[in-house]
């Protein structure tokens, strides 16, 4: 009998050890290589209570599973968490690109009925950004059109940006059946939309919003910013989201009322600087919350601050259902579930235009809403506020 119990105990111990090491490997993949933490605050990963963190040096910490099985070593930077003015107000986004973005290609039919696409033959694809044409800066659709119209069919040297790559291309326009020189492409030089401001630094007047980049609706490419404006808007209506069809906030730009300039558009949102009058209007320095670093965020109850009508920003209850502490730059650090009856009745959950709505948990700003689940508008993704702050300071 003792042998049977001993054997069973050995099997259980073996299973426990295998499961523990498997869990350790899982956590190792889910954790970032480094974190920022406040001095004097006990280290820990709020969402992983089975993990223990112990300082192993001035700037490193050892993470173990159940206090015994090593998971990984993480770099730790000590810092004082900043206090930020929480947002929740909508703002209009007006962006002028650095050059013009090719949104689509098309064929040109000449007087003989021959069809061709000069842009395609030059190696141009949708999403390319044309910055120069024959050494001349291109800043608008009309600039590009005028250069092509006056080419007389001669080759035009284009300076093109494709992602991180820059190259030159030779575009030879074709004379259409209507007698006009054409390049076989459509381009865009600006974009406008509505988003939500996430937070403001009262010391500098800089702000972050949206939580994800502004991309071209045709190509999906991130819009390179030449200049931009953050404008005041009036939210007039909210179209409810339903399964399969995202809702949206509808509003109008208030003419002549600019909040400030936009200085960046990247993977973590849009960034800019407010005017002094906009800071006063948006109550910089009043509705303040301390930043929560990513490891301090846990699943459970939280709130979002958003504006869905003309009455201004309000707090609505949500549940943080899942957290990815690794901090992959995709704006999907958290999954949130809207539980507030008023917001569900009004919008059906998360709608377009609410992107950037700050997420508050435990009296601290933890992140911002970024995307809605098309199949379930009551759920969506959020990004860490820490990530947005780092990007704002670098913009």
Protein backbone atom coordinates (compact mmCIF):
# COMPACT_ATOMS: atom_id res chain seq x y z
CA UNK A 1 0.00 0.00 0.00
CA UNK A 2 2.87 2.37 0.89
CA UNK A 3 4.42 1.71 -2.51
CA UNK A 4 1.13 2.61 -4.22
CA UNK A 5 0.88 5.89 -2.27
CA UNK A 6 4.53 6.68 -2.94
CA UNK A 7 4.05 6.06 -6.64
CA UNK A 8 0.90 8.20 -6.73
CA UNK A 9 2.68 10.98 -4.85
CA UNK A 10 5.57 10.84 -7.30
CA UNK A 11 3.19 11.04 -10.24
CA UNK A 12 1.38 14.01 -8.68
CA UNK A 13 4.65 15.75 -7.91
CA UNK A 14 5.87 15.16 -11.45
CA UNK A 15 2.62 16.54 -12.90
CA UNK A 16 2.85 19.55 -10.58
CA UNK A 17 6.42 20.29 -11.63
CA UNK A 18 5.64 19.91 -15.33
CA UNK A 19 2.62 22.19 -14.97
CA UNK A 20 4.64 24.74 -12.99
CA UNK A 21 7.44 24.92 -15.54
CA UNK A 22 4.88 25.16 -18.35
CA UNK A 23 3.22 28.06 -16.52
CA UNK A 24 6.62 29.70 -15.99
CA UNK A 25 7.28 29.52 -19.73
CA UNK A 26 3.86 31.00 -20.46
CA UNK A 27 4.43 33.94 -18.12
CA UNK A 28 7.92 34.53 -19.51
CA UNK A 29 6.36 35.18 -22.93
CA UNK A 30 3.65 37.43 -21.51
CA UNK A 31 5.93 39.70 -19.50
CA UNK A 32 7.92 42.65 -20.87
CA UNK A 33 11.69 42.82 -20.79
CA UNK A 34 11.58 45.96 -18.68
CA UNK A 35 9.21 48.00 -16.52
CA UNK A 36 9.08 51.42 -14.89
CA UNK A 37 8.14 51.45 -11.22
CA UNK A 38 7.86 53.98 -8.44
CA UNK A 39 10.56 53.99 -5.78
CA UNK A 40 9.38 52.55 -2.48
CA UNK A 41 6.38 50.76 -4.03
CA UNK A 42 6.49 46.94 -3.71
CA UNK A 43 7.15 45.27 -7.04
CA UNK A 44 4.50 42.98 -8.48
CA UNK A 45 2.40 42.14 -11.51
CA UNK A 46 -1.16 43.00 -10.45
CA UNK A 47 -2.82 40.63 -12.89
CA UNK A 48 -0.59 37.65 -12.09
CA UNK A 49 -0.89 37.04 -8.32
CA UNK A 50 1.06 33.76 -8.56
CA UNK A 51 4.16 35.63 -9.67
CA UNK A 52 6.62 37.12 -7.20
CA UNK A 53 9.12 39.88 -7.94
CA UNK A 54 12.26 40.46 -5.90
CA UNK A 55 14.88 43.12 -6.53
CA UNK A 56 18.08 41.38 -7.56
CA UNK A 57 20.00 44.61 -8.10
CA UNK A 58 19.63 48.36 -8.34
CA UNK A 59 17.95 48.12 -11.73
CA UNK A 60 16.80 44.51 -12.12
CA UNK A 61 14.18 42.23 -10.60
CA UNK A 62 13.78 38.46 -10.59
CA UNK A 63 10.34 37.06 -11.36
CA UNK A 64 9.43 33.63 -10.00
CA UNK A 65 6.35 31.42 -10.18
CA UNK A 66 5.02 30.56 -6.71
CA UNK A 67 8.15 32.14 -5.29
CA UNK A 68 10.29 29.20 -6.40
CA UNK A 69 10.42 28.57 -10.15
CA UNK A 70 12.37 31.20 -12.13
CA UNK A 71 10.39 32.96 -14.87
CA UNK A 72 12.67 35.77 -16.09
CA UNK A 73 14.78 38.72 -15.05
CA UNK A 74 13.38 42.16 -15.83
CA UNK A 75 15.07 45.55 -16.04
CA UNK A 76 13.48 48.06 -13.65
CA UNK A 77 13.61 51.85 -14.02
CA UNK A 78 12.61 53.90 -11.00
CA UNK A 79 10.52 57.00 -11.63
CA UNK A 80 7.89 59.17 -10.04
CA UNK A 81 4.54 58.56 -11.76
CA UNK A 82 3.34 61.83 -13.32
CA UNK A 83 0.00 63.46 -12.58
CA UNK A 84 -2.01 64.19 -15.73
CA UNK A 85 -5.19 66.08 -16.56
CA UNK A 86 -7.62 63.43 -17.70
CA UNK A 87 -9.35 63.95 -21.05
CA UNK A 88 -12.60 62.56 -22.37
CA UNK A 89 -13.45 65.55 -24.55
CA UNK A 90 -13.80 65.07 -28.31
CA UNK A 91 -11.60 66.99 -30.71
CA UNK A 92 -11.42 67.42 -34.45
CA UNK A 93 -8.36 66.15 -36.28
CA UNK A 94 -7.09 67.91 -39.41
CA UNK A 95 -3.89 66.53 -40.91
CA UNK A 96 -1.84 67.68 -43.88
CA UNK A 97 0.53 65.00 -45.12
CA UNK A 98 4.23 65.17 -45.85
CA UNK A 99 3.71 64.92 -49.59
CA UNK A 100 0.75 63.11 -51.15
CA UNK A 101 -0.32 59.51 -50.58
CA UNK A 102 -1.25 57.28 -53.50
CA UNK A 103 -4.66 55.82 -52.64
CA UNK A 104 -5.34 53.81 -55.79
CA UNK A 105 -4.20 53.18 -59.36
CA UNK A 106 -6.19 53.34 -62.58
CA UNK A 107 -5.75 52.95 -66.30
CA UNK A 108 -5.45 55.76 -68.83
CA UNK A 109 -6.94 55.34 -72.33
CA UNK A 110 -5.14 57.30 -75.06
CA UNK A 111 -6.55 58.60 -78.36
CA UNK A 112 -5.81 55.25 -80.04
CA UNK A 113 -7.76 53.32 -77.41
CA UNK A 114 -4.64 51.85 -75.81
CA UNK A 115 -4.97 51.43 -72.05
CA UNK A 116 -2.05 51.68 -69.64
CA UNK A 117 -1.18 52.67 -66.09
CA UNK A 118 1.92 54.90 -65.97
CA UNK A 119 2.12 54.78 -62.15
CA UNK A 120 2.10 50.98 -62.10
CA UNK A 121 4.76 50.86 -64.81
CA UNK A 122 6.87 53.22 -62.66
CA UNK A 123 6.64 50.78 -59.73
CA UNK A 124 4.22 52.87 -57.68
CA UNK A 125 1.73 51.05 -55.41
CA UNK A 126 -1.14 52.29 -53.20
CA UNK A 127 0.19 53.55 -49.89
CA UNK A 128 3.32 55.12 -51.39
CA UNK A 129 3.95 58.73 -50.36
CA UNK A 130 5.29 61.03 -53.08
CA UNK A 131 7.37 63.83 -51.58
CA UNK A 132 9.17 65.34 -54.58
CA UNK A 133 8.51 65.52 -58.31
CA UNK A 134 11.48 66.60 -60.44
CA UNK A 135 13.01 67.99 -57.25
CA UNK A 136 9.95 70.11 -56.52
CA UNK A 137 8.20 69.60 -53.17
CA UNK A 138 4.71 68.13 -53.55
CA UNK A 139 2.33 69.28 -50.82
CA UNK A 140 -1.12 68.97 -52.41
CA UNK A 141 -3.17 67.11 -55.01
CA UNK A 142 -3.14 70.22 -57.20
CA UNK A 143 0.69 70.33 -57.09
CA UNK A 144 0.87 66.78 -58.42
CA UNK A 145 -1.80 67.42 -61.04
CA UNK A 146 -0.09 70.58 -62.30
CA UNK A 147 3.32 68.89 -62.63
CA UNK A 148 1.79 66.01 -64.62
CA UNK A 149 -0.28 68.36 -66.81
CA UNK A 150 2.81 70.36 -67.75
CA UNK A 151 5.05 67.37 -68.39
CA UNK A 152 4.25 67.10 -72.10
CA UNK A 153 4.81 63.40 -71.72
CA UNK A 154 8.37 63.73 -70.45
CA UNK A 155 9.47 61.43 -67.63
CA UNK A 156 8.98 62.83 -64.11
CA UNK A 157 11.40 61.76 -61.39
CA UNK A 158 9.48 61.04 -58.18
CA UNK A 159 10.95 60.78 -54.68
CA UNK A 160 8.86 58.10 -52.97
CA UNK A 161 8.53 56.89 -49.38
CA UNK A 162 7.31 53.31 -48.82
CA UNK A 163 7.35 52.44 -45.15
CA UNK A 164 10.94 52.98 -44.00
CA UNK A 165 12.28 52.81 -47.54
CA UNK A 166 12.96 55.80 -49.82
CA UNK A 167 13.51 55.45 -53.54
CA UNK A 168 13.10 57.26 -56.85
CA UNK A 169 10.73 56.28 -59.63
CA UNK A 170 10.33 57.48 -63.20
CA UNK A 171 6.74 58.33 -64.10
CA UNK A 172 6.01 58.88 -67.81
CA UNK A 173 2.51 60.41 -68.16
CA UNK A 174 0.19 59.34 -70.98
CA UNK A 175 -2.02 61.71 -72.96
CA UNK A 176 -5.64 60.64 -72.47
CA UNK A 177 -8.32 60.55 -75.13
CA UNK A 178 -9.53 63.91 -73.69
CA UNK A 179 -6.14 65.46 -74.42
CA UNK A 180 -4.85 65.69 -70.84
CA UNK A 181 -1.69 64.17 -69.43
CA UNK A 182 -2.43 61.54 -66.80
CA UNK A 183 -0.36 59.53 -64.34
CA UNK A 184 -2.84 56.72 -63.66
CA UNK A 185 -3.11 57.29 -59.91
CA UNK A 186 -5.27 59.02 -57.33
CA UNK A 187 -3.59 60.81 -54.44
CA UNK A 188 -4.65 62.35 -51.12
CA UNK A 189 -3.02 65.25 -49.29
CA UNK A 190 -5.10 65.61 -46.12
CA UNK A 191 -7.50 63.84 -43.80
CA UNK A 192 -10.01 64.87 -41.13
CA UNK A 193 -11.91 63.07 -38.39
CA UNK A 194 -13.02 63.05 -34.76
CA UNK A 195 -11.29 61.44 -31.79
CA UNK A 196 -11.12 61.76 -28.02
CA UNK A 197 -8.40 63.43 -25.98
CA UNK A 198 -6.80 61.05 -23.45
CA UNK A 199 -4.70 63.26 -21.20
CA UNK A 200 -2.91 66.61 -20.98
CA UNK A 201 0.29 67.65 -19.24
CA UNK A 202 -0.54 70.87 -17.42
CA UNK A 203 3.17 71.76 -17.21
CA UNK A 204 3.79 71.67 -20.95
CA UNK A 205 0.34 71.87 -22.53
CA UNK A 206 1.11 68.77 -24.55
CA UNK A 207 -1.65 66.22 -25.07
CA UNK A 208 -2.22 62.70 -26.32
CA UNK A 209 -5.34 61.28 -27.90
CA UNK A 210 -6.93 58.54 -30.00
CA UNK A 211 -4.66 55.70 -28.79
CA UNK A 212 -4.05 54.43 -32.32
CA UNK A 213 -2.64 55.99 -35.49
CA UNK A 214 -4.69 57.83 -38.09
CA UNK A 215 -4.52 55.70 -41.22
CA UNK A 216 -5.67 56.28 -44.76
CA UNK A 217 -9.10 54.74 -45.26
CA UNK A 218 -8.18 53.31 -48.67
CA UNK A 219 -4.67 51.98 -48.10
CA UNK A 220 -4.60 51.42 -44.33
CA UNK A 221 -1.20 53.14 -44.16
CA UNK A 222 -0.29 55.52 -41.31
CA UNK A 223 -0.61 59.14 -42.45
CA UNK A 224 2.76 60.97 -42.33
CA UNK A 225 2.15 64.35 -40.70
CA UNK A 226 3.44 67.57 -42.26
CA UNK A 227 1.22 69.80 -40.17
CA UNK A 228 -2.05 69.42 -38.33
CA UNK A 229 -4.63 71.08 -36.17
CA UNK A 230 -6.67 69.98 -33.19
CA UNK A 231 -10.03 71.69 -33.45
CA UNK A 232 -13.03 72.05 -31.18
CA UNK A 233 -16.06 69.97 -32.20
CA UNK A 234 -19.69 69.77 -31.19
CA UNK A 235 -21.03 66.21 -30.85
CA UNK A 236 -24.53 66.24 -32.30
CA UNK A 237 -25.45 62.56 -32.40
CA UNK A 238 -24.26 59.03 -31.65
CA UNK A 239 -25.19 56.22 -34.01
CA UNK A 240 -25.58 53.00 -32.03
CA UNK A 241 -23.28 50.13 -32.77
CA UNK A 242 -24.78 46.73 -33.49
CA UNK A 243 -23.19 43.36 -34.11
CA UNK A 244 -21.28 43.59 -37.40
CA UNK A 245 -21.79 47.36 -37.86
CA UNK A 246 -19.72 49.76 -35.72
CA UNK A 247 -21.50 52.85 -34.45
CA UNK A 248 -20.01 56.33 -34.55
CA UNK A 249 -20.08 59.74 -32.95
CA UNK A 250 -21.27 62.48 -35.27
CA UNK A 251 -20.33 66.09 -34.87
CA UNK A 252 -19.33 69.32 -36.53
CA UNK A 253 -16.07 71.24 -36.44
CA UNK A 254 -16.47 74.61 -34.76
CA UNK A 255 -15.15 77.10 -37.30
CA UNK A 256 -12.29 79.29 -36.14
CA UNK A 257 -11.90 77.40 -32.86
CA UNK A 258 -8.54 75.63 -32.72
CA UNK A 259 -7.33 73.78 -29.63
CA UNK A 260 -3.76 73.71 -30.86
CA UNK A 261 -1.38 72.00 -33.26
CA UNK A 262 -0.80 68.31 -33.94
CA UNK A 263 2.85 67.31 -33.89
CA UNK A 264 2.78 63.55 -34.28
CA UNK A 265 0.78 60.59 -35.57
CA UNK A 266 2.13 57.18 -34.64
CA UNK A 267 1.29 53.69 -33.48
CA UNK A 268 0.14 54.86 -30.04
CA UNK A 269 -2.04 57.80 -31.09
CA UNK A 270 -1.84 61.45 -32.07
CA UNK A 271 -0.01 64.12 -30.12
CA UNK A 272 0.07 67.87 -30.03
CA UNK A 273 0.31 71.07 -28.04
CA UNK A 274 -2.64 73.10 -26.79
CA UNK A 275 -2.99 76.87 -26.82
CA UNK A 276 -3.29 78.64 -23.46
CA UNK A 277 -6.98 79.36 -24.08
CA UNK A 278 -7.63 75.69 -24.93
CA UNK A 279 -5.91 74.64 -21.70
CA UNK A 280 -8.28 76.87 -19.76
CA UNK A 281 -11.32 75.57 -21.67
CA UNK A 282 -10.30 71.95 -21.11
CA UNK A 283 -9.62 72.60 -17.41
CA UNK A 284 -5.92 71.70 -17.46
CA UNK A 285 -4.81 70.95 -13.92
CA UNK A 286 -8.26 70.28 -12.44
CA UNK A 287 -9.42 66.72 -13.23
CA UNK A 288 -6.09 65.13 -12.38
CA UNK A 289 -5.12 61.50 -12.03
CA UNK A 290 -1.81 59.84 -11.34
CA UNK A 291 -0.49 57.56 -14.07
CA UNK A 292 -0.55 53.81 -13.39
CA UNK A 293 2.38 51.85 -14.79
CA UNK A 294 1.39 48.73 -16.73
CA UNK A 295 2.22 46.19 -14.01
CA UNK A 296 -0.10 48.03 -11.59
CA UNK A 297 -3.17 47.40 -13.75
CA UNK A 298 -5.40 44.42 -12.96
CA UNK A 299 -8.49 42.81 -14.41
CA UNK A 300 -11.75 43.93 -12.85
CA UNK A 301 -13.86 47.04 -12.48
CA UNK A 302 -12.81 50.31 -14.12
CA UNK A 303 -14.33 53.36 -15.79
CA UNK A 304 -13.96 55.21 -19.06
CA UNK A 305 -14.44 58.96 -19.47
CA UNK A 306 -16.07 59.85 -22.74
CA UNK A 307 -18.38 62.30 -24.49
CA UNK A 308 -21.30 60.91 -26.47
CA UNK A 309 -23.54 63.99 -26.61
CA UNK A 310 -23.45 67.74 -26.09
CA UNK A 311 -23.39 67.53 -22.30
CA UNK A 312 -19.64 66.91 -22.06
CA UNK A 313 -17.52 64.04 -20.71
CA UNK A 314 -18.99 61.53 -18.25
CA UNK A 315 -17.72 58.45 -16.43
CA UNK A 316 -19.08 55.07 -17.54
CA UNK A 317 -18.42 51.69 -15.92
CA UNK A 318 -16.45 48.98 -17.71
CA UNK A 319 -14.69 45.74 -16.84
CA UNK A 320 -11.07 45.08 -17.78
CA UNK A 321 -11.26 41.45 -18.88
CA UNK A 322 -7.75 40.74 -20.11
CA UNK A 323 -4.31 42.38 -19.98
CA UNK A 324 -1.26 41.76 -22.16
CA UNK A 325 1.66 43.11 -20.15
CA UNK A 326 4.17 42.49 -22.95
CA UNK A 327 3.31 45.89 -24.43
CA UNK A 328 3.33 44.89 -28.10
CA UNK A 329 2.89 48.11 -30.16
CA UNK A 330 -0.55 47.26 -31.53
CA UNK A 331 -2.86 49.25 -29.24
CA UNK A 332 -4.34 46.03 -27.86
CA UNK A 333 -2.91 45.87 -24.36
CA UNK A 334 -6.30 45.34 -22.69
CA UNK A 335 -9.72 43.97 -23.49
CA UNK A 336 -12.51 46.01 -21.94
CA UNK A 337 -16.20 45.25 -21.62
CA UNK A 338 -18.74 48.07 -21.28
CA UNK A 339 -21.13 47.37 -18.40
CA UNK A 340 -22.70 50.81 -17.91
CA UNK A 341 -26.48 50.67 -18.59
CA UNK A 342 -26.66 54.31 -19.72
CA UNK A 343 -23.82 53.97 -22.24
CA UNK A 344 -25.18 50.66 -23.55
CA UNK A 345 -28.59 52.26 -24.05
CA UNK A 346 -27.10 55.34 -25.71
CA UNK A 347 -24.47 53.86 -28.03
CA UNK A 348 -24.61 50.08 -27.70
CA UNK A 349 -21.08 50.15 -26.26
CA UNK A 350 -17.93 51.47 -27.95
CA UNK A 351 -18.36 53.48 -31.14
CA UNK A 352 -16.01 55.22 -33.57
CA UNK A 353 -14.95 58.59 -32.19
CA UNK A 354 -14.60 57.24 -28.64
CA UNK A 355 -11.04 56.14 -29.39
CA UNK A 356 -8.80 57.85 -26.88
CA UNK A 357 -11.36 57.82 -24.06
CA UNK A 358 -9.25 57.48 -20.88
CA UNK A 359 -9.59 54.33 -18.76
CA UNK A 360 -9.53 54.94 -15.00
CA UNK A 361 -8.96 52.24 -12.38
CA UNK A 362 -8.40 52.72 -8.67
CA UNK A 363 -8.20 56.48 -9.02
CA UNK A 364 -5.41 56.29 -11.60
CA UNK A 365 -5.31 56.67 -15.37
CA UNK A 366 -4.36 53.28 -16.82
CA UNK A 367 -5.05 53.54 -20.54
CA UNK A 368 -7.29 54.57 -23.39
CA UNK A 369 -9.92 52.91 -25.57
CA UNK A 370 -8.56 52.12 -29.04
CA UNK A 371 -10.76 49.70 -31.02
CA UNK A 372 -14.23 48.21 -30.90
CA UNK A 373 -14.94 44.55 -31.60
CA UNK A 374 -17.07 44.66 -34.74
CA UNK A 375 -18.78 41.40 -33.74
CA UNK A 376 -19.51 42.72 -30.23
CA UNK A 377 -19.71 46.52 -29.74
CA UNK A 378 -19.85 46.09 -25.94
CA UNK A 379 -16.18 45.04 -26.06
CA UNK A 380 -13.02 46.59 -27.37
CA UNK A 381 -9.29 47.06 -26.91
CA UNK A 382 -7.32 49.53 -24.82
CA UNK A 383 -3.74 50.74 -24.81
CA UNK A 384 -1.58 51.48 -21.76
CA UNK A 385 -1.48 55.17 -20.79
CA UNK A 386 2.21 54.62 -20.02
CA UNK A 387 2.83 53.73 -23.67
CA UNK A 388 1.01 56.85 -24.87
CA UNK A 389 2.93 59.08 -22.46
CA UNK A 390 6.28 57.72 -23.64
CA UNK A 391 5.29 58.31 -27.27
CA UNK A 392 4.03 61.84 -26.49
CA UNK A 393 7.30 62.78 -24.82
CA UNK A 394 9.25 61.41 -27.78
CA UNK A 395 7.07 63.11 -30.45
